Protein backbone atom coordinates (compact mmCIF):
# COMPACT_ATOMS: atom_id res chain seq x y z
CA MET A 1 85.04 35.45 -0.03
CA VAL A 2 85.75 34.08 3.44
CA ARG A 3 84.00 37.04 5.03
CA LEU A 4 80.94 36.46 2.86
CA LEU A 5 80.88 32.78 3.80
CA LEU A 6 81.16 33.59 7.51
CA TRP A 7 78.40 36.20 7.17
CA VAL A 8 76.09 33.70 5.43
CA LEU A 9 76.81 31.05 8.07
CA GLY A 10 76.11 33.56 10.83
CA LEU A 11 72.87 34.65 9.20
CA SER A 12 71.66 31.09 8.65
CA THR A 13 72.50 30.21 12.25
CA SER A 14 70.56 33.23 13.46
CA ILE A 15 67.55 32.25 11.36
CA LEU A 16 67.65 28.64 12.56
CA PHE A 17 67.88 29.50 16.25
CA ALA A 18 65.55 32.53 16.26
CA PRO A 19 62.46 30.45 17.21
CA VAL A 20 64.38 28.75 20.02
CA LEU A 21 65.61 32.06 21.40
CA ALA A 22 62.16 33.63 21.08
CA ARG A 23 60.63 30.78 23.03
CA ALA A 24 63.29 31.08 25.74
CA GLU A 25 62.54 34.78 26.06
CA GLN A 26 58.82 34.06 26.51
CA GLY A 27 59.55 32.29 29.76
CA ALA A 28 59.28 28.70 28.62
CA VAL A 29 59.23 26.17 31.43
CA ALA A 30 62.60 24.52 32.03
CA PRO A 31 62.88 20.74 32.34
CA ARG A 32 62.57 19.49 35.91
CA ASN A 33 65.36 16.90 35.70
CA ARG A 34 68.06 15.47 33.46
CA ALA A 35 65.85 12.71 32.06
CA GLU A 36 63.25 15.24 30.92
CA ALA A 37 65.95 17.45 29.37
CA THR A 38 67.43 14.45 27.53
CA LYS A 39 64.01 13.55 26.17
CA ILE A 40 63.46 17.11 24.89
CA ILE A 41 66.86 17.19 23.18
CA ALA A 42 66.31 13.76 21.61
CA GLY A 43 63.02 15.01 20.18
CA LEU A 44 64.69 18.08 18.70
CA ARG A 45 67.40 15.95 17.06
CA ARG A 46 64.95 13.48 15.52
CA VAL A 47 64.88 13.24 11.72
CA VAL A 48 61.31 13.94 10.62
CA THR A 49 61.62 14.03 6.83
CA PRO A 50 60.00 11.14 4.98
CA ASN A 51 63.30 10.35 3.21
CA GLY A 52 65.43 10.63 6.35
CA VAL A 53 67.49 7.85 7.88
CA GLU A 54 68.25 7.59 11.59
CA ARG A 55 70.23 4.81 13.28
CA LEU A 56 71.43 4.16 16.79
CA GLU A 57 74.10 1.49 17.18
CA ARG A 58 76.27 0.19 19.96
CA VAL A 59 79.98 0.20 19.11
CA ARG A 60 83.01 -0.74 21.17
CA ILE A 61 85.62 2.02 21.30
CA ASN A 62 88.80 1.31 23.28
CA GLY A 63 87.05 -1.52 25.10
CA ILE A 64 84.07 0.62 26.14
CA ASP A 65 80.59 0.10 24.69
CA GLN A 66 79.20 3.40 23.43
CA TRP A 67 76.04 4.38 21.56
CA VAL A 68 76.56 6.19 18.28
CA ARG A 69 73.73 7.96 16.50
CA SER A 70 73.87 8.62 12.78
CA ALA A 71 71.20 10.63 11.03
CA VAL A 72 70.78 11.86 7.49
CA ALA A 73 67.97 14.04 6.22
CA ILE A 74 67.67 13.53 2.47
CA ALA A 75 65.84 16.23 0.58
CA ALA A 76 63.36 15.08 -2.00
CA THR A 77 64.34 16.48 -5.39
CA ARG A 78 62.88 16.27 -8.84
CA SER A 79 65.03 15.73 -11.85
CA CYS A 80 64.85 18.46 -14.45
CA TRP A 81 66.26 16.27 -17.23
């Protein structure tokens, strides 16, 4: 059972990242600086579903202000009842 679960996780990961790897192999242009790279990553992490929730809050952890991002993508489902 564990082997099957690991195989399914590996397969789903491969399917999710296949477009990213294919684009990298095509010689995609790399970001020119850290700010541009951060902007690209932020865009990839954005929740784009209509029912999604995304929040960015400042919290104090051990006396240091830090930004914490929480995101939830809620799938729209229909009730069969």
